[in-house]
Amino acid sequence: MKFNKQVISISIIGKSRFWIRIIVWIITAISLSFFIDYSRESLRIFSFMSRDLLILPKKQVVFFDYFFF
């Protein structure tokens, strides 16, 4: 079974659509990064305010740093 792949190029998509999608993906990536970073900081602030500090072992801190950084 052979599949026909269509050639994708900027001229087929359109230059304006191409650049709009690039800009939207960059904005989405930056906003998602800020959301994850600020959610982590807000968790730390709320745990500090409740006076029940959330202290993680070193292995868990390294594990979570892979997702948050």
Protein backbone atom coordinates (compact mmCIF):
# COMPACT_ATOMS: atom_id res chain seq x y z
CA MET A 1 0.00 0.00 0.00
CA LYS A 2 1.46 3.32 -1.03
CA PHE A 3 0.36 6.64 0.40
CA ASN A 4 0.32 9.83 -1.61
CA LYS A 5 1.95 12.61 0.34
CA GLN A 6 1.13 16.11 -0.69
CA VAL A 7 3.96 18.57 -0.87
CA ILE A 8 3.65 21.24 1.81
CA SER A 9 5.22 24.60 1.19
CA ILE A 10 4.74 28.16 2.34
CA SER A 11 3.37 29.14 -1.06
CA ILE A 12 0.56 26.58 -0.75
CA ILE A 13 -0.31 27.56 2.83
CA GLY A 14 0.06 31.26 2.21
CA LYS A 15 2.64 33.59 3.68
CA SER A 16 0.22 35.42 5.96
CA ARG A 17 -1.25 32.19 7.37
CA PHE A 18 2.25 30.78 7.88
CA TRP A 19 3.53 33.80 9.82
CA ILE A 20 0.32 34.12 11.86
CA ARG A 21 0.62 30.48 12.94
CA ILE A 22 4.30 30.90 13.83
CA ILE A 23 3.48 33.95 15.97
CA VAL A 24 0.52 32.20 17.63
CA TRP A 25 2.68 29.17 18.51
CA ILE A 26 5.39 31.40 20.00
CA ILE A 27 2.82 33.31 22.10
CA THR A 28 1.26 30.02 23.21
CA ALA A 29 4.63 28.58 24.24
CA ILE A 30 5.57 31.69 26.22
CA SER A 31 2.20 31.92 27.98
CA LEU A 32 2.27 28.21 28.86
CA SER A 33 5.76 28.63 30.27
CA PHE A 34 4.67 31.59 32.40
CA PHE A 35 1.58 29.70 33.59
CA ILE A 36 3.62 26.70 34.73
CA ASP A 37 6.22 28.89 36.43
CA TYR A 38 3.68 31.06 38.26
CA SER A 39 1.57 28.07 39.27
CA ARG A 40 4.61 26.57 40.95
CA GLU A 41 5.37 29.82 42.75
CA SER A 42 1.75 30.22 43.85
CA LEU A 43 1.82 26.68 45.28
CA ARG A 44 4.90 27.62 47.27
CA ILE A 45 3.28 30.84 48.54
CA PHE A 46 0.05 29.09 49.57
CA SER A 47 1.97 26.38 51.38
CA PHE A 48 3.98 29.09 53.16
CA MET A 49 0.83 30.99 54.13
CA SER A 50 -0.80 27.90 55.60
CA ARG A 51 2.26 27.41 57.81
CA ASP A 52 2.50 23.86 56.66
CA LEU A 53 5.61 24.17 54.55
CA LEU A 54 5.89 21.79 51.67
CA ILE A 55 9.46 20.57 51.83
CA LEU A 56 10.32 18.00 49.21
CA PRO A 57 13.25 15.59 49.28
CA LYS A 58 16.13 16.36 46.91
CA LYS A 59 15.12 13.62 44.43
CA GLN A 60 11.60 15.01 44.08
CA VAL A 61 12.90 18.55 43.61
CA VAL A 62 15.14 17.38 40.75
CA PHE A 63 12.23 15.43 39.23
CA PHE A 64 9.87 18.43 39.31
CA ASP A 65 12.56 20.75 37.96
CA TYR A 66 12.54 18.76 34.71
CA PHE A 67 8.92 19.86 34.17
CA PHE A 68 9.12 23.40 35.49
CA PHE A 69 12.39 24.52 33.89
